[in-house]
Amino acid sequence: MRRGPHLSRLATVLTVGLALLTPMAANIAGAAAAVTPGSAPALAPIPEFVASAPRHGFHAPASGPRPNPPEIARRAARVARFTNLLAGVPNTLPALARPEAGARRVGVVPAGSKYYGFPIVAWVEDTSADGRWGLVELPYTWPRRQGWIRIAGLRRTTTKIRVDVDLSEHLVTVTRLGEVRFRAPAATGRPSSPTPVGRYFVTDRVAFSGGAYGTYAFGISGIQPFLPPGWTGGNQLAIHGTNQPSTIGTSASAGCVRVSEDTLSRLKPLLAYGTPVIIHP
């Protein structure tokens, strides 16, 4: 009988399959049988393949809203606007009228604070185009004035915190990146010894055991030129506590800003050396 082509192909497949299965069956049987002296050792088991975690490039694309470039730009601008550059002053530095060597000298920035000698960290309000000079308020001067100091090589840090003192409202406002963290009432200078307006920065952090300054004071870089007659307490401005809490919210001090103990506890973790303090009418 003549075989059809499909039978010939089937026979070929069966023949090849049998040839492959025969040694496989022998290997399986040999692996299962006990090894006797002189016999071939059993084949080692084939190791399993365990798939690893998918690589990062194979993750599904993130879901959610797509970035908004204008909003990102607005946030970056706000961060830049309200991030304050601070520079440590290792020694007394000359302050110049212009950001260039040889310019007229307008004063100095001391290395230490007025009464306690803490190392000065100055708030740099502006920088020169080359970044080598910084514009600062000169500490403890009257009339108030600014000058350029060379900041190239100085230790620099930043803070996002600012303190705003509103004399007419007797109000202290603390902001971070321009957003209000908290507000608190304060006592400010009486009419005969008004608190001087200006742009200052924190130069001292001093603990007290109570009394006229409460338990803590933040000395700032300004001075009081309008001291009451007979005053012997020094002329540096400060934000401090008080043993007369009933005066808070009024014009009652010799020029400093008095706040409650609760407000002091909220200021302590926020006001680093160099933190800007802006006092306005």
C-alpha atoms as a PDB file:
ATOM      1  CA  MET A   1       0.000   0.000   0.000  1.00  0.00           C
ATOM      2  CA  ARG A   2       1.285   3.465  -0.808  1.00  0.00           C
ATOM      3  CA  ARG A   3       1.654   5.760   2.194  1.00  0.00           C
ATOM      4  CA  GLY A   4       0.240   9.231   2.065  1.00  0.00           C
ATOM      5  CA  PRO A   5       2.522  12.197   2.757  1.00  0.00           C
ATOM      6  CA  HIS A   6       0.858  12.907   6.096  1.00  0.00           C
ATOM      7  CA  LEU A   7       1.643   9.382   7.323  1.00  0.00           C
ATOM      8  CA  SER A   8       5.288   9.800   6.347  1.00  0.00           C
ATOM      9  CA  ARG A   9       5.527  13.061   8.267  1.00  0.00           C
ATOM     10  CA  LEU A  10       3.851  11.482  11.306  1.00  0.00           C
ATOM     11  CA  ALA A  11       6.289   8.594  11.232  1.00  0.00           C
ATOM     12  CA  THR A  12       9.220  11.015  11.089  1.00  0.00           C
ATOM     13  CA  VAL A  13       7.912  12.996  14.096  1.00  0.00           C
ATOM     14  CA  LEU A  14       7.386   9.818  16.146  1.00  0.00           C
ATOM     15  CA  THR A  15      10.868   8.559  15.322  1.00  0.00           C
ATOM     16  CA  VAL A  16      12.550  11.825  16.392  1.00  0.00           C
ATOM     17  CA  GLY A  17      10.423  12.059  19.541  1.00  0.00           C
ATOM     18  CA  LEU A  18      11.279   8.500  20.570  1.00  0.00           C
ATOM     19  CA  ALA A  19      14.974   9.189  20.057  1.00  0.00           C
ATOM     20  CA  LEU A  20      14.775  12.220  22.366  1.00  0.00           C
ATOM     21  CA  LEU A  21      12.628  10.611  25.015  1.00  0.00           C
ATOM     22  CA  THR A  22      14.717   7.459  25.377  1.00  0.00           C
ATOM     23  CA  PRO A  23      17.856   9.064  26.913  1.00  0.00           C
ATOM     24  CA  MET A  24      15.651  11.490  28.922  1.00  0.00           C
ATOM     25  CA  ALA A  25      13.781   8.514  30.430  1.00  0.00           C
ATOM     26  CA  ALA A  26      17.079   6.833  31.216  1.00  0.00           C
ATOM     27  CA  ASN A  27      18.323   9.953  32.978  1.00  0.00           C
ATOM     28  CA  ILE A  28      15.129  10.266  35.009  1.00  0.00           C
ATOM     29  CA  ALA A  29      15.317   6.632  36.025  1.00  0.00           C
ATOM     30  CA  GLY A  30      18.989   6.959  36.900  1.00  0.00           C
ATOM     31  CA  ALA A  31      18.292   9.977  39.049  1.00  0.00           C
ATOM     32  CA  ALA A  32      15.583   8.100  40.915  1.00  0.00           C
ATOM     33  CA  ALA A  33      17.600   4.892  41.446  1.00  0.00           C
ATOM     34  CA  ALA A  34      20.052   4.416  44.299  1.00  0.00           C
ATOM     35  CA  VAL A  35      23.687   4.805  43.304  1.00  0.00           C
ATOM     36  CA  THR A  36      25.594   1.545  43.528  1.00  0.00           C
ATOM     37  CA  PRO A  37      29.351   1.100  43.426  1.00  0.00           C
ATOM     38  CA  GLY A  38      30.599   1.335  39.898  1.00  0.00           C
ATOM     39  CA  SER A  39      27.430   2.917  38.630  1.00  0.00           C
ATOM     40  CA  ALA A  40      27.260   6.428  37.211  1.00  0.00           C
ATOM     41  CA  PRO A  41      26.279   9.105  39.737  1.00  0.00           C
ATOM     42  CA  ALA A  42      22.823  10.663  39.500  1.00  0.00           C
ATOM     43  CA  LEU A  43      22.558  13.911  37.621  1.00  0.00           C
ATOM     44  CA  ALA A  44      22.414  17.021  39.742  1.00  0.00           C
ATOM     45  CA  PRO A  45      18.952  18.574  39.831  1.00  0.00           C
ATOM     46  CA  ILE A  46      18.465  21.441  37.412  1.00  0.00           C
ATOM     47  CA  PRO A  47      18.406  24.746  39.338  1.00  0.00           C
ATOM     48  CA  GLU A  48      15.199  26.699  39.271  1.00  0.00           C
ATOM     49  CA  PHE A  49      15.091  30.133  37.662  1.00  0.00           C
ATOM     50  CA  VAL A  50      13.618  32.785  39.950  1.00  0.00           C
ATOM     51  CA  ALA A  51      12.571  36.003  38.264  1.00  0.00           C
ATOM     52  CA  SER A  52      13.990  39.133  39.906  1.00  0.00           C
ATOM     53  CA  ALA A  53      12.019  42.323  40.524  1.00  0.00           C
ATOM     54  CA  PRO A  54      11.399  44.296  37.350  1.00  0.00           C
ATOM     55  CA  ARG A  55      13.906  46.985  36.568  1.00  0.00           C
ATOM     56  CA  HIS A  56      12.940  50.584  37.011  1.00  0.00           C
ATOM     57  CA  GLY A  57      12.612  51.136  33.304  1.00  0.00           C
ATOM     58  CA  PHE A  58       9.793  48.601  33.078  1.00  0.00           C
ATOM     59  CA  HIS A  59       7.479  50.202  35.616  1.00  0.00           C
ATOM     60  CA  ALA A  60       4.173  51.491  34.360  1.00  0.00           C
ATOM     61  CA  PRO A  61       4.176  55.252  33.798  1.00  0.00           C
ATOM     62  CA  ALA A  62       3.204  57.307  36.849  1.00  0.00           C
ATOM     63  CA  SER A  63      -0.383  58.383  37.093  1.00  0.00           C
ATOM     64  CA  GLY A  64      -1.694  61.704  38.337  1.00  0.00           C
ATOM     65  CA  PRO A  65      -1.606  65.295  37.089  1.00  0.00           C
ATOM     66  CA  ARG A  66       1.213  66.289  34.771  1.00  0.00           C
ATOM     67  CA  PRO A  67       3.715  68.946  35.943  1.00  0.00           C
ATOM     68  CA  ASN A  68       2.580  72.501  35.414  1.00  0.00           C
ATOM     69  CA  PRO A  69       5.626  74.523  34.259  1.00  0.00           C
ATOM     70  CA  PRO A  70       4.144  77.972  35.112  1.00  0.00           C
ATOM     71  CA  GLU A  71       3.275  76.799  38.639  1.00  0.00           C
ATOM     72  CA  ILE A  72       6.735  75.322  39.092  1.00  0.00           C
ATOM     73  CA  ALA A  73       8.227  78.637  37.975  1.00  0.00           C
ATOM     74  CA  ARG A  74       6.042  80.571  40.441  1.00  0.00           C
ATOM     75  CA  ARG A  75       7.090  78.328  43.314  1.00  0.00           C
ATOM     76  CA  ALA A  76      10.744  78.650  42.403  1.00  0.00           C
ATOM     77  CA  ALA A  77      10.407  82.434  42.295  1.00  0.00           C
ATOM     78  CA  ARG A  78       8.791  82.474  45.743  1.00  0.00           C
ATOM     79  CA  VAL A  79      11.527  80.283  47.186  1.00  0.00           C
ATOM     80  CA  ALA A  80      14.175  82.559  45.697  1.00  0.00           C
ATOM     81  CA  ARG A  81      12.411  85.682  46.965  1.00  0.00           C
ATOM     82  CA  PHE A  82      11.940  84.508  50.568  1.00  0.00           C
ATOM     83  CA  THR A  83      15.102  82.460  51.079  1.00  0.00           C
ATOM     84  CA  ASN A  84      17.502  84.658  53.028  1.00  0.00           C
ATOM     85  CA  LEU A  85      21.250  84.383  52.533  1.00  0.00           C
ATOM     86  CA  LEU A  86      23.322  84.499  55.732  1.00  0.00           C
ATOM     87  CA  ALA A  87      27.099  84.908  56.018  1.00  0.00           C
ATOM     88  CA  GLY A  88      29.292  84.182  59.017  1.00  0.00           C
ATOM     89  CA  VAL A  89      31.684  87.021  59.866  1.00  0.00           C
ATOM     90  CA  PRO A  90      34.982  85.535  61.116  1.00  0.00           C
ATOM     91  CA  ASN A  91      36.594  88.903  61.839  1.00  0.00           C
ATOM     92  CA  THR A  92      35.665  92.572  61.645  1.00  0.00           C
ATOM     93  CA  LEU A  93      35.023  93.402  57.995  1.00  0.00           C
ATOM     94  CA  PRO A  94      35.057  96.811  56.315  1.00  0.00           C
ATOM     95  CA  ALA A  95      31.786  97.830  54.691  1.00  0.00           C
ATOM     96  CA  LEU A  96      32.097  99.754  51.442  1.00  0.00           C
ATOM     97  CA  ALA A  97      29.848 102.113  49.503  1.00  0.00           C
ATOM     98  CA  ARG A  98      30.150  99.969  46.359  1.00  0.00           C
ATOM     99  CA  PRO A  99      30.874  96.266  45.749  1.00  0.00           C
ATOM    100  CA  GLU A 100      34.473  96.746  44.642  1.00  0.00           C
ATOM    101  CA  ALA A 101      37.860  96.928  46.268  1.00  0.00           C
ATOM    102  CA  GLY A 102      38.986 100.486  46.917  1.00  0.00           C
ATOM    103  CA  ALA A 103      35.464 101.914  47.256  1.00  0.00           C
ATOM    104  CA  ARG A 104      34.707 104.406  50.020  1.00  0.00           C
ATOM    105  CA  ARG A 105      34.388 102.841  53.469  1.00  0.00           C
ATOM    106  CA  VAL A 106      31.050 103.482  55.214  1.00  0.00           C
ATOM    107  CA  GLY A 107      31.536 101.413  58.372  1.00  0.00           C
ATOM    108  CA  VAL A 108      32.339  97.928  59.624  1.00  0.00           C
ATOM    109  CA  VAL A 109      30.607  94.666  60.431  1.00  0.00           C
ATOM    110  CA  PRO A 110      32.000  93.408  63.752  1.00  0.00           C
ATOM    111  CA  ALA A 111      32.919  89.778  64.344  1.00  0.00           C
ATOM    112  CA  GLY A 112      31.017  89.598  67.653  1.00  0.00           C
ATOM    113  CA  SER A 113      27.700  90.848  69.041  1.00  0.00           C
ATOM    114  CA  LYS A 114      27.570  94.078  71.026  1.00  0.00           C
ATOM    115  CA  TYR A 115      27.312  92.814  74.615  1.00  0.00           C
ATOM    116  CA  TYR A 116      27.663  89.034  74.569  1.00  0.00           C
ATOM    117  CA  GLY A 117      30.285  88.538  71.871  1.00  0.00           C
ATOM    118  CA  PHE A 118      28.409  85.859  69.921  1.00  0.00           C
ATOM    119  CA  PRO A 119      29.903  85.381  66.433  1.00  0.00           C
ATOM    120  CA  ILE A 120      28.017  87.571  63.978  1.00  0.00           C
ATOM    121  CA  VAL A 121      26.003  85.920  61.221  1.00  0.00           C
ATOM    122  CA  ALA A 122      24.845  88.703  58.911  1.00  0.00           C
ATOM    123  CA  TRP A 123      21.741  88.792  56.768  1.00  0.00           C
ATOM    124  CA  VAL A 124      22.880  89.442  53.189  1.00  0.00           C
ATOM    125  CA  GLU A 125      20.105  91.414  51.526  1.00  0.00           C
ATOM    126  CA  ASP A 126      21.638  91.544  48.058  1.00  0.00           C
ATOM    127  CA  THR A 127      24.695  90.247  46.224  1.00  0.00           C
ATOM    128  CA  SER A 128      26.882  91.680  43.482  1.00  0.00           C
ATOM    129  CA  ALA A 129      26.674  90.331  39.953  1.00  0.00           C
ATOM    130  CA  ASP A 130      29.780  88.221  40.484  1.00  0.00           C
ATOM    131  CA  GLY A 131      28.551  86.913  43.856  1.00  0.00           C
ATOM    132  CA  ARG A 132      31.688  88.094  45.669  1.00  0.00           C
ATOM    133  CA  TRP A 133      30.097  90.958  47.619  1.00  0.00           C
ATOM    134  CA  GLY A 134      27.031  91.156  49.841  1.00  0.00           C
ATOM    135  CA  LEU A 135      24.927  94.130  50.936  1.00  0.00           C
ATOM    136  CA  VAL A 136      24.216  94.151  54.682  1.00  0.00           C
ATOM    137  CA  GLU A 137      22.751  96.438  57.320  1.00  0.00           C
ATOM    138  CA  LEU A 138      25.596  97.622  59.515  1.00  0.00           C
ATOM    139  CA  PRO A 139      24.999  96.332  63.051  1.00  0.00           C
ATOM    140  CA  TYR A 140      24.643  98.732  65.984  1.00  0.00           C
ATOM    141  CA  THR A 141      24.873 101.942  63.959  1.00  0.00           C
ATOM    142  CA  TRP A 142      22.780 105.089  64.021  1.00  0.00           C
ATOM    143  CA  PRO A 143      21.647 106.534  61.722  1.00  0.00           C
ATOM    144  CA  ARG A 144      21.073 103.177  60.066  1.00  0.00           C
ATOM    145  CA  ARG A 145      23.030 102.494  56.907  1.00  0.00           C
ATOM    146  CA  GLN A 146      24.043  99.698  54.590  1.00  0.00           C
ATOM    147  CA  GLY A 147      27.382  98.637  53.181  1.00  0.00           C
ATOM    148  CA  TRP A 148      28.961  96.014  50.947  1.00  0.00           C
ATOM    149  CA  ILE A 149      31.198  93.385  52.518  1.00  0.00           C
ATOM    150  CA  ARG A 150      33.273  90.801  50.701  1.00  0.00           C
ATOM    151  CA  ILE A 151      31.504  87.463  51.195  1.00  0.00           C
ATOM    152  CA  ALA A 152      33.674  85.353  48.889  1.00  0.00           C
ATOM    153  CA  GLY A 153      35.147  82.617  51.071  1.00  0.00           C
ATOM    154  CA  LEU A 154      32.800  83.220  54.019  1.00  0.00           C
ATOM    155  CA  ARG A 155      30.692  80.416  55.466  1.00  0.00           C
ATOM    156  CA  ARG A 156      27.178  80.809  54.062  1.00  0.00           C
ATOM    157  CA  THR A 157      23.842  79.394  55.118  1.00  0.00           C
ATOM    158  CA  THR A 158      20.206  80.246  54.429  1.00  0.00           C
ATOM    159  CA  THR A 159      16.974  80.590  56.341  1.00  0.00           C
ATOM    160  CA  LYS A 160      13.401  80.712  55.078  1.00  0.00           C
ATOM    161  CA  ILE A 161      12.164  82.424  58.271  1.00  0.00           C
ATOM    162  CA  ARG A 162      11.474  86.146  58.679  1.00  0.00           C
ATOM    163  CA  VAL A 163      10.089  88.131  61.590  1.00  0.00           C
ATOM    164  CA  ASP A 164       7.874  91.143  60.968  1.00  0.00           C
ATOM    165  CA  VAL A 165       7.119  93.577  63.823  1.00  0.00           C
ATOM    166  CA  ASP A 166       4.166  95.897  63.220  1.00  0.00           C
ATOM    167  CA  LEU A 167       4.451  98.778  65.711  1.00  0.00           C
ATOM    168  CA  SER A 168       1.009 100.228  65.061  1.00  0.00           C
ATOM    169  CA  GLU A 169      -0.668  96.856  65.611  1.00  0.00           C
ATOM    170  CA  HIS A 170       1.710  95.688  68.388  1.00  0.00           C
ATOM    171  CA  LEU A 171       2.011  92.460  66.463  1.00  0.00           C
ATOM    172  CA  VAL A 172       4.815  90.001  65.723  1.00  0.00           C
ATOM    173  CA  THR A 173       4.368  87.867  62.601  1.00  0.00           C
ATOM    174  CA  VAL A 174       6.652  84.960  61.729  1.00  0.00           C
ATOM    175  CA  THR A 175       6.671  83.755  58.127  1.00  0.00           C
ATOM    176  CA  ARG A 176       8.319  80.899  56.271  1.00  0.00           C
ATOM    177  CA  LEU A 177       8.767  81.388  52.529  1.00  0.00           C
ATOM    178  CA  GLY A 178       6.336  84.280  52.803  1.00  0.00           C
ATOM    179  CA  GLU A 179       3.578  82.206  54.405  1.00  0.00           C
ATOM    180  CA  VAL A 180       2.475  82.997  57.954  1.00  0.00           C
ATOM    181  CA  ARG A 181       3.558  80.483  60.591  1.00  0.00           C
ATOM    182  CA  PHE A 182       1.999  82.368  63.510  1.00  0.00           C
ATOM    183  CA  ARG A 183       1.161  85.811  64.853  1.00  0.00           C
ATOM    184  CA  ALA A 184       1.440  87.015  68.442  1.00  0.00           C
ATOM    185  CA  PRO A 185       0.810  90.283  70.321  1.00  0.00           C
ATOM    186  CA  ALA A 186       3.768  92.267  71.643  1.00  0.00           C
ATOM    187  CA  ALA A 187       4.638  95.337  73.683  1.00  0.00           C
ATOM    188  CA  THR A 188       6.708  97.951  71.855  1.00  0.00           C
ATOM    189  CA  GLY A 189       8.383 101.262  72.734  1.00  0.00           C
ATOM    190  CA  ARG A 190       6.436 103.932  74.527  1.00  0.00           C
ATOM    191  CA  PRO A 191       5.961 107.321  72.812  1.00  0.00           C
ATOM    192  CA  SER A 192       8.992 108.824  74.544  1.00  0.00           C
ATOM    193  CA  SER A 193      11.228 105.877  73.593  1.00  0.00           C
ATOM    194  CA  PRO A 194       9.749 104.497  70.366  1.00  0.00           C
ATOM    195  CA  THR A 195      11.063 101.288  68.861  1.00  0.00           C
ATOM    196  CA  PRO A 196      13.287 102.299  65.910  1.00  0.00           C
ATOM    197  CA  VAL A 197      12.062 101.012  62.566  1.00  0.00           C
ATOM    198  CA  GLY A 198      14.573  99.197  60.397  1.00  0.00           C
ATOM    199  CA  ARG A 199      15.839  95.970  58.886  1.00  0.00           C
ATOM    200  CA  TYR A 200      17.777  93.969  61.437  1.00  0.00           C
ATOM    201  CA  PHE A 201      18.903  90.402  62.089  1.00  0.00           C
ATOM    202  CA  VAL A 202      19.307  88.139  65.120  1.00  0.00           C
ATOM    203  CA  THR A 203      22.737  88.403  66.774  1.00  0.00           C
ATOM    204  CA  ASP A 204      22.154  86.856  70.224  1.00  0.00           C
ATOM    205  CA  ARG A 205      20.203  84.008  71.799  1.00  0.00           C
ATOM    206  CA  VAL A 206      20.364  84.347  75.576  1.00  0.00           C
ATOM    207  CA  ALA A 207      18.565  82.430  78.336  1.00  0.00           C
ATOM    208  CA  PHE A 208      17.570  84.249  81.534  1.00  0.00           C
ATOM    209  CA  SER A 209      16.169  83.069  84.848  1.00  0.00           C
ATOM    210  CA  GLY A 210      13.233  85.447  84.697  1.00  0.00           C
ATOM    211  CA  GLY A 211      12.840  89.104  85.589  1.00  0.00           C
ATOM    212  CA  ALA A 212      12.455  92.003  83.176  1.00  0.00           C
ATOM    213  CA  TYR A 213      13.569  89.893  80.186  1.00  0.00           C
ATOM    214  CA  GLY A 214      11.532  86.830  81.005  1.00  0.00           C
ATOM    215  CA  THR A 215      13.313  83.558  80.349  1.00  0.00           C
ATOM    216  CA  TYR A 216      14.816  84.330  76.942  1.00  0.00           C
ATOM    217  CA  ALA A 217      15.981  87.141  74.673  1.00  0.00           C
ATOM    218  CA  PHE A 218      16.847  87.384  70.996  1.00  0.00           C
ATOM    219  CA  GLY A 219      19.257  90.266  70.596  1.00  0.00           C
ATOM    220  CA  ILE A 220      19.068  91.947  67.205  1.00  0.00           C
ATOM    221  CA  SER A 221      21.482  94.151  65.265  1.00  0.00           C
ATOM    222  CA  GLY A 222      19.813  97.482  66.058  1.00  0.00           C
ATOM    223  CA  ILE A 223      20.260 100.059  68.829  1.00  0.00           C
ATOM    224  CA  GLN A 224      17.880 102.423  70.591  1.00  0.00           C
ATOM    225  CA  PRO A 225      18.945 106.077  70.152  1.00  0.00           C
ATOM    226  CA  PHE A 226      15.988 107.360  72.204  1.00  0.00           C
ATOM    227  CA  LEU A 227      16.660 105.859  75.640  1.00  0.00           C
ATOM    228  CA  PRO A 228      14.584 107.036  78.623  1.00  0.00           C
ATOM    229  CA  PRO A 229      16.358 109.363  81.084  1.00  0.00           C
ATOM    230  CA  GLY A 230      18.381 107.402  83.615  1.00  0.00           C
ATOM    231  CA  TRP A 231      18.235 104.137  81.651  1.00  0.00           C
ATOM    232  CA  THR A 232      21.138 101.811  82.497  1.00  0.00           C
ATOM    233  CA  GLY A 233      20.139  98.633  80.658  1.00  0.00           C
ATOM    234  CA  GLY A 234      22.178  99.125  77.497  1.00  0.00           C
ATOM    235  CA  ASN A 235      20.976 100.268  74.084  1.00  0.00           C
ATOM    236  CA  GLN A 236      20.763  97.045  72.020  1.00  0.00           C
ATOM    237  CA  LEU A 237      17.324  96.142  70.695  1.00  0.00           C
ATOM    238  CA  ALA A 238      15.875  92.712  71.405  1.00  0.00           C
ATOM    239  CA  ILE A 239      12.809  90.537  71.311  1.00  0.00           C
ATOM    240  CA  HIS A 240      12.442  89.187  74.827  1.00  0.00           C
ATOM    241  CA  GLY A 241      10.048  88.003  77.509  1.00  0.00           C
ATOM    242  CA  THR A 242       8.704  90.083  80.360  1.00  0.00           C
ATOM    243  CA  ASN A 243       7.628  89.957  83.999  1.00  0.00           C
ATOM    244  CA  GLN A 244       4.841  92.406  83.119  1.00  0.00           C
ATOM    245  CA  PRO A 245       2.618  90.346  80.805  1.00  0.00           C
ATOM    246  CA  SER A 246      -0.213  92.874  81.148  1.00  0.00           C
ATOM    247  CA  THR A 247       1.812  95.338  79.036  1.00  0.00           C
ATOM    248  CA  ILE A 248       1.790  93.029  76.001  1.00  0.00           C
ATOM    249  CA  GLY A 249      -0.227  94.636  73.221  1.00  0.00           C
ATOM    250  CA  THR A 250       0.623  98.185  74.322  1.00  0.00           C
ATOM    251  CA  SER A 251       3.359 100.803  73.873  1.00  0.00           C
ATOM    252  CA  ALA A 252       5.195 100.280  77.138  1.00  0.00           C
ATOM    253  CA  SER A 253       8.876  99.387  76.657  1.00  0.00           C
ATOM    254  CA  ALA A 254      12.114 101.330  76.403  1.00  0.00           C
ATOM    255  CA  GLY A 255      12.283 100.230  72.762  1.00  0.00           C
ATOM    256  CA  CYS A 256      12.551  96.444  72.828  1.00  0.00           C
ATOM    257  CA  VAL A 257       9.797  94.083  71.734  1.00  0.00           C
ATOM    258  CA  ARG A 258       8.238  92.179  74.635  1.00  0.00           C
ATOM    259  CA  VAL A 259       6.390  88.913  74.081  1.00  0.00           C
ATOM    260  CA  SER A 260       4.832  86.179  76.205  1.00  0.00           C
ATOM    261  CA  GLU A 261       6.556  83.017  77.376  1.00  0.00           C
ATOM    262  CA  ASP A 262       4.377  81.022  75.006  1.00  0.00           C
ATOM    263  CA  THR A 263       5.582  83.157  72.087  1.00  0.00           C
ATOM    264  CA  LEU A 264       9.193  82.709  73.205  1.00  0.00           C
ATOM    265  CA  SER A 265       8.758  78.924  73.127  1.00  0.00           C
ATOM    266  CA  ARG A 266       7.501  79.159  69.537  1.00  0.00           C
ATOM    267  CA  LEU A 267      10.326  81.467  68.457  1.00  0.00           C
ATOM    268  CA  LYS A 268      13.200  79.400  69.871  1.00  0.00           C
ATOM    269  CA  PRO A 269      13.228  76.642  67.223  1.00  0.00           C
ATOM    270  CA  LEU A 270      12.785  79.155  64.379  1.00  0.00           C
ATOM    271  CA  LEU A 271      15.082  82.121  65.006  1.00  0.00           C
ATOM    272  CA  ALA A 272      18.644  81.183  64.095  1.00  0.00           C
ATOM    273  CA  TYR A 273      21.532  83.641  64.129  1.00  0.00           C
ATOM    274  CA  GLY A 274      21.130  85.980  61.176  1.00  0.00           C
ATOM    275  CA  THR A 275      17.337  85.582  60.900  1.00  0.00           C
ATOM    276  CA  PRO A 276      15.861  88.801  59.452  1.00  0.00           C
ATOM    277  CA  VAL A 277      13.783  90.997  61.777  1.00  0.00           C
ATOM    278  CA  ILE A 278      11.936  93.808  60.005  1.00  0.00           C
ATOM    279  CA  ILE A 279      10.359  96.508  62.167  1.00  0.00           C
ATOM    280  CA  HIS A 280       7.969  98.945  60.539  1.00  0.00           C
ATOM    281  CA  PRO A 281       5.498 101.633  61.729  1.00  0.00           C
END
